[in-house]
């Protein structure tokens, strides 16, 4: 029997365990107290661990569809092992997004997988490889939102999961934007003219940075992004009040 190319790493299971520990602490806490230490610790661990898990699944989604679509080099690169260290530079792609998340900002795209797009069988395959990441975030956001609505939860678990669900939707909306360097542009790039692809290649290194600068420094752009994200979050059943309460406990050092 052929051994599966997908072999989750111990680190991935460790991140899952951290997320579960945070969830248990949140569930055992007092949800009526804004100064409950167990609730604060639980929400923080739940969100940090859950975000690292979702980042891993986002990049794994790209790699898995690329592998199925013809690029078998992703297996040799370790992208199918769900090891968060494999997906990019540990500081620029992992630590900095977590820092921005920790200060209550927009969850920046984290890791990256290098796909041999020449090995992909069709243009449609290349598009789906790009879409796999943000669609993973969307699916997680929907599942977490529905869990909060339909599954009875103790303590402050619901607020932690709601904030984690909101982060997934924010990541989905951000990544799906048709900006060179983001997944949304990657989905349409195979269908563009050679000149358009050449131009995109030239601006790809700084286009996402320009977008992030606008999101942080231009209120109209930031407001439009949040309004769109909030609309999607409500559409999938998310509870904004619970999510913002979860954010309150997550950024505990601000109050």
C-alpha atoms as a PDB file:
ATOM      1  CA  UNK A   1       0.000   0.000   0.000  1.00  0.00           C
ATOM      2  CA  UNK A   2       1.352   3.407  -0.974  1.00  0.00           C
ATOM      3  CA  UNK A   3       2.108   5.636   1.966  1.00  0.00           C
ATOM      4  CA  UNK A   4       0.117   8.854   2.077  1.00  0.00           C
ATOM      5  CA  UNK A   5       2.056  12.009   1.186  1.00  0.00           C
ATOM      6  CA  UNK A   6       0.196  13.839   3.961  1.00  0.00           C
ATOM      7  CA  UNK A   7       1.923  13.311   7.303  1.00  0.00           C
ATOM      8  CA  UNK A   8       0.912  15.886   9.962  1.00  0.00           C
ATOM      9  CA  UNK A   9       3.850  16.947  12.095  1.00  0.00           C
ATOM     10  CA  UNK A  10       4.006  16.737  15.905  1.00  0.00           C
ATOM     11  CA  UNK A  11       4.171  20.543  15.962  1.00  0.00           C
ATOM     12  CA  UNK A  12       0.753  20.734  14.295  1.00  0.00           C
ATOM     13  CA  UNK A  13      -0.701  18.472  16.973  1.00  0.00           C
ATOM     14  CA  UNK A  14       1.039  20.601  19.579  1.00  0.00           C
ATOM     15  CA  UNK A  15      -0.692  23.722  18.238  1.00  0.00           C
ATOM     16  CA  UNK A  16      -4.002  21.866  18.308  1.00  0.00           C
ATOM     17  CA  UNK A  17      -3.331  20.886  21.929  1.00  0.00           C
ATOM     18  CA  UNK A  18      -2.554  24.511  22.838  1.00  0.00           C
ATOM     19  CA  UNK A  19      -5.836  25.577  21.237  1.00  0.00           C
ATOM     20  CA  UNK A  20      -7.756  22.925  23.167  1.00  0.00           C
ATOM     21  CA  UNK A  21      -6.119  23.977  26.451  1.00  0.00           C
ATOM     22  CA  UNK A  22      -7.189  27.560  25.798  1.00  0.00           C
ATOM     23  CA  UNK A  23     -10.716  26.390  25.016  1.00  0.00           C
ATOM     24  CA  UNK A  24     -10.917  24.368  28.234  1.00  0.00           C
ATOM     25  CA  UNK A  25      -9.714  27.314  30.334  1.00  0.00           C
ATOM     26  CA  UNK A  26     -12.251  29.595  28.646  1.00  0.00           C
ATOM     27  CA  UNK A  27     -15.034  27.075  29.222  1.00  0.00           C
ATOM     28  CA  UNK A  28     -14.170  26.792  32.938  1.00  0.00           C
ATOM     29  CA  UNK A  29     -14.077  30.552  33.449  1.00  0.00           C
ATOM     30  CA  UNK A  30     -16.612  33.052  34.741  1.00  0.00           C
ATOM     31  CA  UNK A  31     -18.106  34.760  31.641  1.00  0.00           C
ATOM     32  CA  UNK A  32     -19.766  37.512  33.691  1.00  0.00           C
ATOM     33  CA  UNK A  33     -16.473  38.950  34.969  1.00  0.00           C
ATOM     34  CA  UNK A  34     -14.357  41.219  32.800  1.00  0.00           C
ATOM     35  CA  UNK A  35     -11.417  40.616  35.150  1.00  0.00           C
ATOM     36  CA  UNK A  36     -11.450  36.827  35.193  1.00  0.00           C
ATOM     37  CA  UNK A  37      -7.834  35.698  34.796  1.00  0.00           C
ATOM     38  CA  UNK A  38      -8.768  32.221  33.609  1.00  0.00           C
ATOM     39  CA  UNK A  39     -11.028  33.643  30.912  1.00  0.00           C
ATOM     40  CA  UNK A  40      -8.337  36.028  29.715  1.00  0.00           C
ATOM     41  CA  UNK A  41      -5.697  33.284  29.589  1.00  0.00           C
ATOM     42  CA  UNK A  42      -8.114  30.874  27.931  1.00  0.00           C
ATOM     43  CA  UNK A  43      -9.187  33.272  25.176  1.00  0.00           C
ATOM     44  CA  UNK A  44      -5.587  34.322  24.519  1.00  0.00           C
ATOM     45  CA  UNK A  45      -4.308  30.742  24.166  1.00  0.00           C
ATOM     46  CA  UNK A  46      -7.369  29.700  22.170  1.00  0.00           C
ATOM     47  CA  UNK A  47      -6.961  32.525  19.659  1.00  0.00           C
ATOM     48  CA  UNK A  48      -3.156  32.356  19.332  1.00  0.00           C
ATOM     49  CA  UNK A  49      -3.187  28.571  18.985  1.00  0.00           C
ATOM     50  CA  UNK A  50      -6.245  28.570  16.737  1.00  0.00           C
ATOM     51  CA  UNK A  51      -4.795  31.247  14.468  1.00  0.00           C
ATOM     52  CA  UNK A  52      -1.523  29.310  14.105  1.00  0.00           C
ATOM     53  CA  UNK A  53      -3.537  26.187  13.248  1.00  0.00           C
ATOM     54  CA  UNK A  54      -5.604  28.073  10.668  1.00  0.00           C
ATOM     55  CA  UNK A  55      -2.482  29.588   9.111  1.00  0.00           C
ATOM     56  CA  UNK A  56      -1.062  26.076   8.792  1.00  0.00           C
ATOM     57  CA  UNK A  57      -4.267  24.775   7.209  1.00  0.00           C
ATOM     58  CA  UNK A  58      -4.397  27.770   4.844  1.00  0.00           C
ATOM     59  CA  UNK A  59      -0.949  27.016   3.450  1.00  0.00           C
ATOM     60  CA  UNK A  60      -1.531  23.261   3.520  1.00  0.00           C
ATOM     61  CA  UNK A  61      -4.640  23.838   1.396  1.00  0.00           C
ATOM     62  CA  UNK A  62      -2.525  25.521  -1.288  1.00  0.00           C
ATOM     63  CA  UNK A  63       0.044  22.729  -1.189  1.00  0.00           C
ATOM     64  CA  UNK A  64      -2.436  19.855  -1.151  1.00  0.00           C
ATOM     65  CA  UNK A  65      -4.333  21.079  -4.224  1.00  0.00           C
ATOM     66  CA  UNK A  66      -1.028  21.783  -5.976  1.00  0.00           C
ATOM     67  CA  UNK A  67       0.080  18.206  -5.250  1.00  0.00           C
ATOM     68  CA  UNK A  68      -3.188  16.838  -6.614  1.00  0.00           C
ATOM     69  CA  UNK A  69      -2.906  19.187  -9.591  1.00  0.00           C
ATOM     70  CA  UNK A  70       0.523  17.995 -10.712  1.00  0.00           C
ATOM     71  CA  UNK A  71       3.168  19.753  -8.601  1.00  0.00           C
ATOM     72  CA  UNK A  72       4.645  16.878  -6.606  1.00  0.00           C
ATOM     73  CA  UNK A  73       7.591  19.009  -5.508  1.00  0.00           C
ATOM     74  CA  UNK A  74       5.510  20.314  -2.596  1.00  0.00           C
ATOM     75  CA  UNK A  75       5.888  16.932  -0.890  1.00  0.00           C
ATOM     76  CA  UNK A  76       9.682  17.108  -1.046  1.00  0.00           C
ATOM     77  CA  UNK A  77       9.540  20.643   0.374  1.00  0.00           C
ATOM     78  CA  UNK A  78       7.645  19.367   3.414  1.00  0.00           C
ATOM     79  CA  UNK A  79       4.527  21.425   2.701  1.00  0.00           C
ATOM     80  CA  UNK A  80       2.244  18.410   3.208  1.00  0.00           C
ATOM     81  CA  UNK A  81       3.512  17.815   6.750  1.00  0.00           C
ATOM     82  CA  UNK A  82       1.486  20.655   8.278  1.00  0.00           C
ATOM     83  CA  UNK A  83       4.629  21.994   9.927  1.00  0.00           C
ATOM     84  CA  UNK A  84       4.170  25.758  10.320  1.00  0.00           C
ATOM     85  CA  UNK A  85       7.941  26.257  10.106  1.00  0.00           C
ATOM     86  CA  UNK A  86       7.955  24.993   6.522  1.00  0.00           C
ATOM     87  CA  UNK A  87       5.741  27.709   5.134  1.00  0.00           C
ATOM     88  CA  UNK A  88       8.019  30.748   5.184  1.00  0.00           C
ATOM     89  CA  UNK A  89      10.490  32.874   7.061  1.00  0.00           C
ATOM     90  CA  UNK A  90       9.728  32.457  10.772  1.00  0.00           C
ATOM     91  CA  UNK A  91      10.021  36.182  11.553  1.00  0.00           C
ATOM     92  CA  UNK A  92       8.574  37.981   8.531  1.00  0.00           C
ATOM     93  CA  UNK A  93       5.834  35.477   7.785  1.00  0.00           C
ATOM     94  CA  UNK A  94       4.904  34.108  11.191  1.00  0.00           C
ATOM     95  CA  UNK A  95       6.079  36.286  14.060  1.00  0.00           C
ATOM     96  CA  UNK A  96       5.076  39.651  12.577  1.00  0.00           C
ATOM     97  CA  UNK A  97       1.522  38.570  11.653  1.00  0.00           C
ATOM     98  CA  UNK A  98       1.125  37.187  15.176  1.00  0.00           C
ATOM     99  CA  UNK A  99       2.407  40.485  16.609  1.00  0.00           C
ATOM    100  CA  UNK A 100      -0.111  42.465  14.534  1.00  0.00           C
ATOM    101  CA  UNK A 101      -2.791  40.057  15.704  1.00  0.00           C
ATOM    102  CA  UNK A 102      -1.681  40.451  19.308  1.00  0.00           C
ATOM    103  CA  UNK A 103      -2.068  44.235  19.170  1.00  0.00           C
ATOM    104  CA  UNK A 104      -5.622  43.824  17.907  1.00  0.00           C
ATOM    105  CA  UNK A 105      -4.956  44.657  14.279  1.00  0.00           C
ATOM    106  CA  UNK A 106      -5.893  43.068  10.993  1.00  0.00           C
ATOM    107  CA  UNK A 107      -4.612  39.497  10.643  1.00  0.00           C
ATOM    108  CA  UNK A 108      -1.952  39.879   7.971  1.00  0.00           C
ATOM    109  CA  UNK A 109      -1.265  36.999   5.584  1.00  0.00           C
ATOM    110  CA  UNK A 110       1.311  34.795   7.207  1.00  0.00           C
ATOM    111  CA  UNK A 111       3.152  31.980   5.501  1.00  0.00           C
ATOM    112  CA  UNK A 112       3.686  31.164   1.882  1.00  0.00           C
ATOM    113  CA  UNK A 113       4.250  28.052  -0.188  1.00  0.00           C
ATOM    114  CA  UNK A 114       6.265  28.098  -3.389  1.00  0.00           C
ATOM    115  CA  UNK A 115       4.297  26.327  -6.108  1.00  0.00           C
ATOM    116  CA  UNK A 116       5.743  25.217  -9.440  1.00  0.00           C
ATOM    117  CA  UNK A 117       2.846  26.533 -11.487  1.00  0.00           C
ATOM    118  CA  UNK A 118       4.336  25.188 -14.702  1.00  0.00           C
ATOM    119  CA  UNK A 119       3.696  21.703 -13.312  1.00  0.00           C
ATOM    120  CA  UNK A 120      -0.009  22.353 -12.765  1.00  0.00           C
ATOM    121  CA  UNK A 121      -2.186  20.682 -15.367  1.00  0.00           C
ATOM    122  CA  UNK A 122      -4.633  23.478 -16.234  1.00  0.00           C
ATOM    123  CA  UNK A 123      -5.347  27.142 -15.638  1.00  0.00           C
ATOM    124  CA  UNK A 124      -8.379  26.125 -13.577  1.00  0.00           C
ATOM    125  CA  UNK A 125      -6.114  24.032 -11.363  1.00  0.00           C
ATOM    126  CA  UNK A 126      -3.837  27.032 -10.811  1.00  0.00           C
ATOM    127  CA  UNK A 127      -6.851  29.145  -9.837  1.00  0.00           C
ATOM    128  CA  UNK A 128      -8.101  26.578  -7.350  1.00  0.00           C
ATOM    129  CA  UNK A 129      -4.630  26.286  -5.828  1.00  0.00           C
ATOM    130  CA  UNK A 130      -4.729  30.032  -5.113  1.00  0.00           C
ATOM    131  CA  UNK A 131      -8.301  29.905  -3.805  1.00  0.00           C
ATOM    132  CA  UNK A 132      -7.650  26.943  -1.497  1.00  0.00           C
ATOM    133  CA  UNK A 133      -6.099  29.096   1.223  1.00  0.00           C
ATOM    134  CA  UNK A 134      -8.760  31.790   1.627  1.00  0.00           C
ATOM    135  CA  UNK A 135     -11.548  29.237   1.171  1.00  0.00           C
ATOM    136  CA  UNK A 136     -10.022  27.309   4.076  1.00  0.00           C
ATOM    137  CA  UNK A 137     -10.313  30.439   6.222  1.00  0.00           C
ATOM    138  CA  UNK A 138     -13.904  30.939   5.071  1.00  0.00           C
ATOM    139  CA  UNK A 139     -14.807  27.340   5.894  1.00  0.00           C
ATOM    140  CA  UNK A 140     -13.239  27.632   9.354  1.00  0.00           C
ATOM    141  CA  UNK A 141     -15.072  30.908   9.962  1.00  0.00           C
ATOM    142  CA  UNK A 142     -18.391  29.318   9.023  1.00  0.00           C
ATOM    143  CA  UNK A 143     -17.806  26.201  11.125  1.00  0.00           C
ATOM    144  CA  UNK A 144     -16.760  28.194  14.191  1.00  0.00           C
ATOM    145  CA  UNK A 145     -19.701  30.601  13.830  1.00  0.00           C
ATOM    146  CA  UNK A 146     -22.199  27.756  13.480  1.00  0.00           C
ATOM    147  CA  UNK A 147     -20.652  25.953  16.450  1.00  0.00           C
ATOM    148  CA  UNK A 148     -21.212  29.034  18.615  1.00  0.00           C
ATOM    149  CA  UNK A 149     -24.839  29.247  17.460  1.00  0.00           C
ATOM    150  CA  UNK A 150     -25.828  25.596  17.727  1.00  0.00           C
ATOM    151  CA  UNK A 151     -23.529  24.005  20.336  1.00  0.00           C
ATOM    152  CA  UNK A 152     -24.147  24.811  24.032  1.00  0.00           C
ATOM    153  CA  UNK A 153     -20.932  26.247  25.473  1.00  0.00           C
ATOM    154  CA  UNK A 154     -19.850  26.829  29.047  1.00  0.00           C
ATOM    155  CA  UNK A 155     -18.010  29.814  30.477  1.00  0.00           C
ATOM    156  CA  UNK A 156     -16.455  32.205  27.970  1.00  0.00           C
ATOM    157  CA  UNK A 157     -15.721  29.647  25.255  1.00  0.00           C
ATOM    158  CA  UNK A 158     -18.264  31.212  22.899  1.00  0.00           C
ATOM    159  CA  UNK A 159     -16.608  34.652  22.936  1.00  0.00           C
ATOM    160  CA  UNK A 160     -13.176  33.168  22.237  1.00  0.00           C
ATOM    161  CA  UNK A 161     -14.461  31.076  19.338  1.00  0.00           C
ATOM    162  CA  UNK A 162     -16.437  34.036  17.979  1.00  0.00           C
ATOM    163  CA  UNK A 163     -13.323  36.211  17.855  1.00  0.00           C
ATOM    164  CA  UNK A 164     -11.368  33.385  16.215  1.00  0.00           C
ATOM    165  CA  UNK A 165     -14.188  33.031  13.675  1.00  0.00           C
ATOM    166  CA  UNK A 166     -14.071  36.772  12.946  1.00  0.00           C
ATOM    167  CA  UNK A 167     -10.330  36.544  12.332  1.00  0.00           C
ATOM    168  CA  UNK A 168     -10.950  33.789   9.794  1.00  0.00           C
ATOM    169  CA  UNK A 169     -13.413  35.981   7.920  1.00  0.00           C
ATOM    170  CA  UNK A 170     -11.010  38.925   8.018  1.00  0.00           C
ATOM    171  CA  UNK A 171      -8.278  36.698   6.606  1.00  0.00           C
ATOM    172  CA  UNK A 172     -10.634  35.439   3.893  1.00  0.00           C
ATOM    173  CA  UNK A 173     -11.689  38.928   2.789  1.00  0.00           C
ATOM    174  CA  UNK A 174      -8.116  40.228   2.833  1.00  0.00           C
ATOM    175  CA  UNK A 175      -6.624  37.309   0.926  1.00  0.00           C
ATOM    176  CA  UNK A 176      -9.382  37.213  -1.688  1.00  0.00           C
ATOM    177  CA  UNK A 177      -8.739  40.789  -2.817  1.00  0.00           C
ATOM    178  CA  UNK A 178      -7.446  40.912  -6.428  1.00  0.00           C
ATOM    179  CA  UNK A 179      -4.144  42.518  -5.478  1.00  0.00           C
ATOM    180  CA  UNK A 180      -0.874  41.152  -6.920  1.00  0.00           C
ATOM    181  CA  UNK A 181       0.803  39.067  -4.254  1.00  0.00           C
ATOM    182  CA  UNK A 182      -2.492  37.974  -2.663  1.00  0.00           C
ATOM    183  CA  UNK A 183      -4.461  34.831  -3.381  1.00  0.00           C
ATOM    184  CA  UNK A 184      -7.350  36.644  -5.018  1.00  0.00           C
ATOM    185  CA  UNK A 185      -5.080  37.891  -7.769  1.00  0.00           C
ATOM    186  CA  UNK A 186      -3.471  34.466  -8.068  1.00  0.00           C
ATOM    187  CA  UNK A 187      -6.902  33.035  -8.887  1.00  0.00           C
ATOM    188  CA  UNK A 188      -7.400  35.316 -11.896  1.00  0.00           C
ATOM    189  CA  UNK A 189      -3.778  35.602 -13.029  1.00  0.00           C
ATOM    190  CA  UNK A 190      -3.804  32.457 -15.234  1.00  0.00           C
ATOM    191  CA  UNK A 191      -6.488  34.063 -17.395  1.00  0.00           C
ATOM    192  CA  UNK A 192      -4.757  37.428 -17.858  1.00  0.00           C
ATOM    193  CA  UNK A 193      -2.751  38.528 -20.863  1.00  0.00           C
ATOM    194  CA  UNK A 194       1.045  38.138 -20.815  1.00  0.00           C
ATOM    195  CA  UNK A 195       1.461  41.910 -20.477  1.00  0.00           C
ATOM    196  CA  UNK A 196      -0.846  42.015 -17.461  1.00  0.00           C
ATOM    197  CA  UNK A 197       1.025  39.129 -15.835  1.00  0.00           C
ATOM    198  CA  UNK A 198       4.369  40.824 -16.478  1.00  0.00           C
ATOM    199  CA  UNK A 199       3.112  44.047 -14.878  1.00  0.00           C
ATOM    200  CA  UNK A 200       1.781  42.090 -11.894  1.00  0.00           C
ATOM    201  CA  UNK A 201       5.158  40.408 -11.446  1.00  0.00           C
ATOM    202  CA  UNK A 202       6.823  43.820 -11.231  1.00  0.00           C
ATOM    203  CA  UNK A 203       4.450  45.215  -8.595  1.00  0.00           C
ATOM    204  CA  UNK A 204       3.947  41.984  -6.626  1.00  0.00           C
ATOM    205  CA  UNK A 205       6.715  42.660  -4.059  1.00  0.00           C
ATOM    206  CA  UNK A 206       5.250  45.976  -2.892  1.00  0.00           C
ATOM    207  CA  UNK A 207       1.549  45.870  -3.837  1.00  0.00           C
ATOM    208  CA  UNK A 208       0.493  44.042  -0.624  1.00  0.00           C
ATOM    209  CA  UNK A 209       2.590  46.468   1.437  1.00  0.00           C
ATOM    210  CA  UNK A 210       0.803  49.388  -0.196  1.00  0.00           C
ATOM    211  CA  UNK A 211      -2.547  47.765   0.588  1.00  0.00           C
ATOM    212  CA  UNK A 212      -1.599  47.174   4.236  1.00  0.00           C
ATOM    213  CA  UNK A 213      -0.434  50.794   4.534  1.00  0.00           C
ATOM    214  CA  UNK A 214      -3.815  51.973   3.235  1.00  0.00           C
ATOM    215  CA  UNK A 215      -5.662  49.683   5.630  1.00  0.00           C
ATOM    216  CA  UNK A 216      -3.760  51.116   8.582  1.00  0.00           C
ATOM    217  CA  UNK A 217      -3.419  54.770   7.511  1.00  0.00           C
ATOM    218  CA  UNK A 218      -6.431  55.527   5.287  1.00  0.00           C
ATOM    219  CA  UNK A 219      -9.696  55.500   7.294  1.00  0.00           C
ATOM    220  CA  UNK A 220     -12.007  55.221   4.228  1.00  0.00           C
ATOM    221  CA  UNK A 221     -10.148  52.118   3.007  1.00  0.00           C
ATOM    222  CA  UNK A 222     -10.003  50.626   6.499  1.00  0.00           C
ATOM    223  CA  UNK A 223     -13.691  51.314   7.111  1.00  0.00           C
ATOM    224  CA  UNK A 224     -14.693  49.755   3.781  1.00  0.00           C
ATOM    225  CA  UNK A 225     -12.646  46.665   4.583  1.00  0.00           C
ATOM    226  CA  UNK A 226     -14.214  46.288   8.034  1.00  0.00           C
ATOM    227  CA  UNK A 227     -17.717  46.867   6.700  1.00  0.00           C
ATOM    228  CA  UNK A 228     -17.278  44.174   4.059  1.00  0.00           C
ATOM    229  CA  UNK A 229     -15.764  41.776   6.587  1.00  0.00           C
ATOM    230  CA  UNK A 230     -18.551  42.444   9.087  1.00  0.00           C
ATOM    231  CA  UNK A 231     -21.147  41.825   6.382  1.00  0.00           C
ATOM    232  CA  UNK A 232     -19.603  38.454   5.529  1.00  0.00           C
ATOM    233  CA  UNK A 233     -19.257  37.576   9.219  1.00  0.00           C
ATOM    234  CA  UNK A 234     -22.930  38.285   9.885  1.00  0.00           C
ATOM    235  CA  UNK A 235     -23.920  36.418   6.705  1.00  0.00           C
ATOM    236  CA  UNK A 236     -22.273  33.214   7.931  1.00  0.00           C
ATOM    237  CA  UNK A 237     -23.976  33.475  11.313  1.00  0.00           C
ATOM    238  CA  UNK A 238     -21.271  35.237  13.311  1.00  0.00           C
ATOM    239  CA  UNK A 239     -22.069  37.125  16.510  1.00  0.00           C
ATOM    240  CA  UNK A 240     -20.247  40.464  16.364  1.00  0.00           C
ATOM    241  CA  UNK A 241     -20.934  41.340  19.997  1.00  0.00           C
ATOM    242  CA  UNK A 242     -19.438  38.055  21.173  1.00  0.00           C
ATOM    243  CA  UNK A 243     -16.485  38.469  18.789  1.00  0.00           C
ATOM    244  CA  UNK A 244     -15.629  41.951  20.042  1.00  0.00           C
ATOM    245  CA  UNK A 245     -15.927  40.752  23.632  1.00  0.00           C
ATOM    246  CA  UNK A 246     -13.505  37.978  22.728  1.00  0.00           C
ATOM    247  CA  UNK A 247     -11.156  40.585  21.301  1.00  0.00           C
ATOM    248  CA  UNK A 248     -11.421  42.518  24.580  1.00  0.00           C
ATOM    249  CA  UNK A 249     -10.129  39.529  26.532  1.00  0.00           C
ATOM    250  CA  UNK A 250      -7.518  38.717  23.903  1.00  0.00           C
ATOM    251  CA  UNK A 251      -5.821  42.143  24.019  1.00  0.00           C
ATOM    252  CA  UNK A 252      -5.920  42.177  27.813  1.00  0.00           C
ATOM    253  CA  UNK A 253      -2.885  44.467  28.177  1.00  0.00           C
ATOM    254  CA  UNK A 254      -4.780  47.374  26.627  1.00  0.00           C
ATOM    255  CA  UNK A 255      -7.116  47.745  29.581  1.00  0.00           C
END
